[in-house]
Amino acid sequence: MRAEAAAAGRTALDVSLQRFTQEQRDAFWNAIGLYYSSRRHPGADAAAVPPAATAA
């Protein structure tokens, strides 16, 4: 169900981006990539925390 929702969201986003030039769309996706490669996005702190060691 999550995959279908993600696919529907991507389709809706692709349709809405069609009104922009290819250069503008490339800039949009570049900004998204920079945002998620930084530590500012939601969940970045959780990803930076190493997993707790488990007792064996």
Protein backbone atom coordinates (compact mmCIF):
# COMPACT_ATOMS: atom_id res chain seq x y z
CA MET A 1 0.00 0.00 0.00
CA ARG A 2 2.88 2.36 0.78
CA ALA A 3 4.50 1.68 -2.60
CA GLU A 4 1.24 2.48 -4.40
CA ALA A 5 0.88 5.75 -2.50
CA ALA A 6 4.49 6.68 -3.33
CA ALA A 7 3.94 5.88 -7.01
CA ALA A 8 0.76 7.97 -7.08
CA GLY A 9 2.62 10.84 -5.43
CA ARG A 10 5.46 10.65 -7.94
CA THR A 11 2.98 10.63 -10.83
CA ALA A 12 1.15 13.67 -9.45
CA LEU A 13 4.45 15.48 -8.93
CA ASP A 14 5.64 14.66 -12.46
CA VAL A 15 2.39 15.99 -13.91
CA SER A 16 2.63 19.22 -11.91
CA LEU A 17 6.27 19.74 -12.92
CA GLN A 18 5.42 19.57 -16.63
CA ARG A 19 4.54 23.27 -16.63
CA PHE A 20 8.19 24.12 -15.93
CA THR A 21 11.11 24.03 -18.34
CA GLN A 22 13.52 21.10 -18.23
CA GLU A 23 16.14 23.40 -16.68
CA GLN A 24 13.72 24.36 -13.88
CA ARG A 25 12.81 20.71 -13.26
CA ASP A 26 16.49 19.78 -13.09
CA ALA A 27 17.07 22.58 -10.57
CA PHE A 28 14.12 21.32 -8.50
CA TRP A 29 15.46 17.75 -8.37
CA ASN A 30 18.96 19.03 -7.63
CA ALA A 31 17.60 21.01 -4.66
CA ILE A 32 15.75 17.91 -3.41
CA GLY A 33 18.96 15.88 -3.65
CA LEU A 34 20.96 18.52 -1.78
CA TYR A 35 18.30 18.73 0.93
CA TYR A 36 18.28 14.99 1.56
CA SER A 37 22.06 14.71 1.45
CA SER A 38 22.29 17.32 4.20
CA ARG A 39 21.46 16.85 7.88
CA ARG A 40 18.53 19.26 7.74
CA HIS A 41 15.86 16.84 6.60
CA PRO A 42 13.46 15.09 8.98
CA GLY A 43 15.02 11.94 10.37
CA ALA A 44 18.58 13.08 9.74
CA ASP A 45 19.39 12.96 13.44
CA ALA A 46 18.08 9.41 13.72
CA ALA A 47 20.17 8.33 10.74
CA ALA A 48 23.30 9.87 12.27
CA VAL A 49 22.94 7.95 15.53
CA PRO A 50 24.76 4.60 15.40
CA PRO A 51 22.66 1.56 16.32
CA ALA A 52 22.89 0.46 19.94
CA ALA A 53 25.14 -2.49 20.66
CA THR A 54 23.28 -5.63 21.59
CA ALA A 55 24.43 -8.02 24.29
CA ALA A 56 25.36 -11.41 22.95
